[in-house]
Amino acid sequence: MTRDDTLDILKGLLGRPQSDVQLKMPVASITGDTRIDEIGLDSLAILDFVYDVEDRFQIQIEIADLVALDRVNDLVAYVEARRAV
């Protein structure tokens, strides 16, 4: 799986219909350079997204690690590193 594949999957997870989640930008405009805080997820939506990512990639994400992730590319790299373990 390439980095672009991982990015596309993450964008797909963000774009899934979720109750009352309104993103600040269209999913199609999210790139690797997009700052995570620009996407507009509230704290509950972030937790839902984390659970979806964990389930899809069969990884564990440490909540404390999320604080250090600034851009979508950081999340892609984090997911890929966790998958490699």
C-alpha atoms as a PDB file:
ATOM      1  CA  MET A   1       0.000   0.000   0.000  1.00  0.00           C
ATOM      2  CA  THR A   2       1.364   3.414  -0.966  1.00  0.00           C
ATOM      3  CA  ARG A   3       1.203   6.669   0.991  1.00  0.00           C
ATOM      4  CA  ASP A   4      -1.396   7.895  -1.507  1.00  0.00           C
ATOM      5  CA  ASP A   5      -3.509   4.797  -0.830  1.00  0.00           C
ATOM      6  CA  THR A   6      -3.322   5.441   2.913  1.00  0.00           C
ATOM      7  CA  LEU A   7      -4.238   9.099   2.367  1.00  0.00           C
ATOM      8  CA  ASP A   8      -7.209   8.120   0.201  1.00  0.00           C
ATOM      9  CA  ILE A   9      -8.457   5.670   2.835  1.00  0.00           C
ATOM     10  CA  LEU A  10      -8.135   8.297   5.581  1.00  0.00           C
ATOM     11  CA  LYS A  11     -10.030  10.812   3.439  1.00  0.00           C
ATOM     12  CA  GLY A  12     -12.703   8.192   2.818  1.00  0.00           C
ATOM     13  CA  LEU A  13     -13.070   7.655   6.555  1.00  0.00           C
ATOM     14  CA  LEU A  14     -13.390  11.407   7.073  1.00  0.00           C
ATOM     15  CA  GLY A  15     -16.028  11.613   4.363  1.00  0.00           C
ATOM     16  CA  ARG A  16     -18.270   8.920   5.779  1.00  0.00           C
ATOM     17  CA  PRO A  17     -21.596  10.222   6.948  1.00  0.00           C
ATOM     18  CA  GLN A  18     -21.397  10.692  10.693  1.00  0.00           C
ATOM     19  CA  SER A  19     -24.019  12.134  12.960  1.00  0.00           C
ATOM     20  CA  ASP A  20     -23.859  15.921  13.165  1.00  0.00           C
ATOM     21  CA  VAL A  21     -20.250  16.169  11.914  1.00  0.00           C
ATOM     22  CA  GLN A  22     -19.734  19.154   9.669  1.00  0.00           C
ATOM     23  CA  LEU A  23     -16.216  19.456   8.279  1.00  0.00           C
ATOM     24  CA  LYS A  24     -14.784  22.927   7.644  1.00  0.00           C
ATOM     25  CA  MET A  25     -13.680  21.863   4.160  1.00  0.00           C
ATOM     26  CA  PRO A  26     -14.748  19.397   1.491  1.00  0.00           C
ATOM     27  CA  VAL A  27     -12.990  16.044   1.822  1.00  0.00           C
ATOM     28  CA  ALA A  28     -11.811  16.322  -1.789  1.00  0.00           C
ATOM     29  CA  SER A  29      -9.772  19.405  -0.914  1.00  0.00           C
ATOM     30  CA  ILE A  30      -7.893  17.683   1.933  1.00  0.00           C
ATOM     31  CA  THR A  31      -4.270  17.007   1.025  1.00  0.00           C
ATOM     32  CA  GLY A  32      -1.279  15.695   2.907  1.00  0.00           C
ATOM     33  CA  ASP A  33      -0.296  19.276   3.704  1.00  0.00           C
ATOM     34  CA  THR A  34      -3.660  20.105   5.274  1.00  0.00           C
ATOM     35  CA  ARG A  35      -3.375  20.935   8.961  1.00  0.00           C
ATOM     36  CA  ILE A  36      -5.490  18.532  10.984  1.00  0.00           C
ATOM     37  CA  ASP A  37      -7.099  21.360  12.946  1.00  0.00           C
ATOM     38  CA  GLU A  38      -8.270  22.921   9.646  1.00  0.00           C
ATOM     39  CA  ILE A  39     -10.499  19.913   8.947  1.00  0.00           C
ATOM     40  CA  GLY A  40     -12.860  20.895  11.735  1.00  0.00           C
ATOM     41  CA  LEU A  41     -13.493  17.742  13.725  1.00  0.00           C
ATOM     42  CA  ASP A  42     -14.775  18.248  17.252  1.00  0.00           C
ATOM     43  CA  SER A  43     -13.514  16.050  20.080  1.00  0.00           C
ATOM     44  CA  LEU A  44     -16.212  13.379  19.681  1.00  0.00           C
ATOM     45  CA  ALA A  45     -15.737  13.246  15.919  1.00  0.00           C
ATOM     46  CA  ILE A  46     -11.980  12.858  16.437  1.00  0.00           C
ATOM     47  CA  LEU A  47     -12.569   9.869  18.701  1.00  0.00           C
ATOM     48  CA  ASP A  48     -14.942   8.303  16.160  1.00  0.00           C
ATOM     49  CA  PHE A  49     -12.386   8.897  13.422  1.00  0.00           C
ATOM     50  CA  VAL A  50      -9.584   7.360  15.521  1.00  0.00           C
ATOM     51  CA  TYR A  51     -11.694   4.258  16.172  1.00  0.00           C
ATOM     52  CA  ASP A  52     -12.466   3.990  12.442  1.00  0.00           C
ATOM     53  CA  VAL A  53      -8.760   4.294  11.561  1.00  0.00           C
ATOM     54  CA  GLU A  54      -7.806   1.694  14.169  1.00  0.00           C
ATOM     55  CA  ASP A  55     -10.431  -0.691  12.848  1.00  0.00           C
ATOM     56  CA  ARG A  56      -9.590  -0.170   9.174  1.00  0.00           C
ATOM     57  CA  PHE A  57      -5.816  -0.510   9.580  1.00  0.00           C
ATOM     58  CA  GLN A  58      -5.842  -2.939  12.531  1.00  0.00           C
ATOM     59  CA  ILE A  59      -3.590  -0.698  14.630  1.00  0.00           C
ATOM     60  CA  GLN A  60      -3.672   0.945  18.050  1.00  0.00           C
ATOM     61  CA  ILE A  61      -3.445   4.719  18.162  1.00  0.00           C
ATOM     62  CA  GLU A  62      -2.283   6.334  21.366  1.00  0.00           C
ATOM     63  CA  ILE A  63      -4.398   9.396  22.071  1.00  0.00           C
ATOM     64  CA  ALA A  64      -1.320  11.172  23.456  1.00  0.00           C
ATOM     65  CA  ASP A  65       0.380  10.675  20.069  1.00  0.00           C
ATOM     66  CA  LEU A  66      -2.421  12.521  18.285  1.00  0.00           C
ATOM     67  CA  VAL A  67      -1.415  15.785  19.936  1.00  0.00           C
ATOM     68  CA  ALA A  68       1.926  15.686  18.097  1.00  0.00           C
ATOM     69  CA  LEU A  69       0.320  15.169  14.678  1.00  0.00           C
ATOM     70  CA  ASP A  70       0.070  18.514  12.916  1.00  0.00           C
ATOM     71  CA  ARG A  71      -0.691  17.696   9.286  1.00  0.00           C
ATOM     72  CA  VAL A  72      -2.494  14.919   7.465  1.00  0.00           C
ATOM     73  CA  ASN A  73       0.890  13.681   6.182  1.00  0.00           C
ATOM     74  CA  ASP A  74       1.930  13.221   9.824  1.00  0.00           C
ATOM     75  CA  LEU A  75      -1.109  11.009  10.365  1.00  0.00           C
ATOM     76  CA  VAL A  76      -0.345   9.032   7.192  1.00  0.00           C
ATOM     77  CA  ALA A  77       3.236   8.439   8.375  1.00  0.00           C
ATOM     78  CA  TYR A  78       1.989   7.468  11.853  1.00  0.00           C
ATOM     79  CA  VAL A  79      -0.470   4.930  10.429  1.00  0.00           C
ATOM     80  CA  GLU A  80       2.157   3.453   8.116  1.00  0.00           C
ATOM     81  CA  ALA A  81       4.677   3.165  10.965  1.00  0.00           C
ATOM     82  CA  ARG A  82       2.099   1.422  13.165  1.00  0.00           C
ATOM     83  CA  ARG A  83       1.180  -0.992  10.380  1.00  0.00           C
ATOM     84  CA  ALA A  84       4.824  -1.928   9.946  1.00  0.00           C
ATOM     85  CA  VAL A  85       5.121  -3.053  13.591  1.00  0.00           C
END
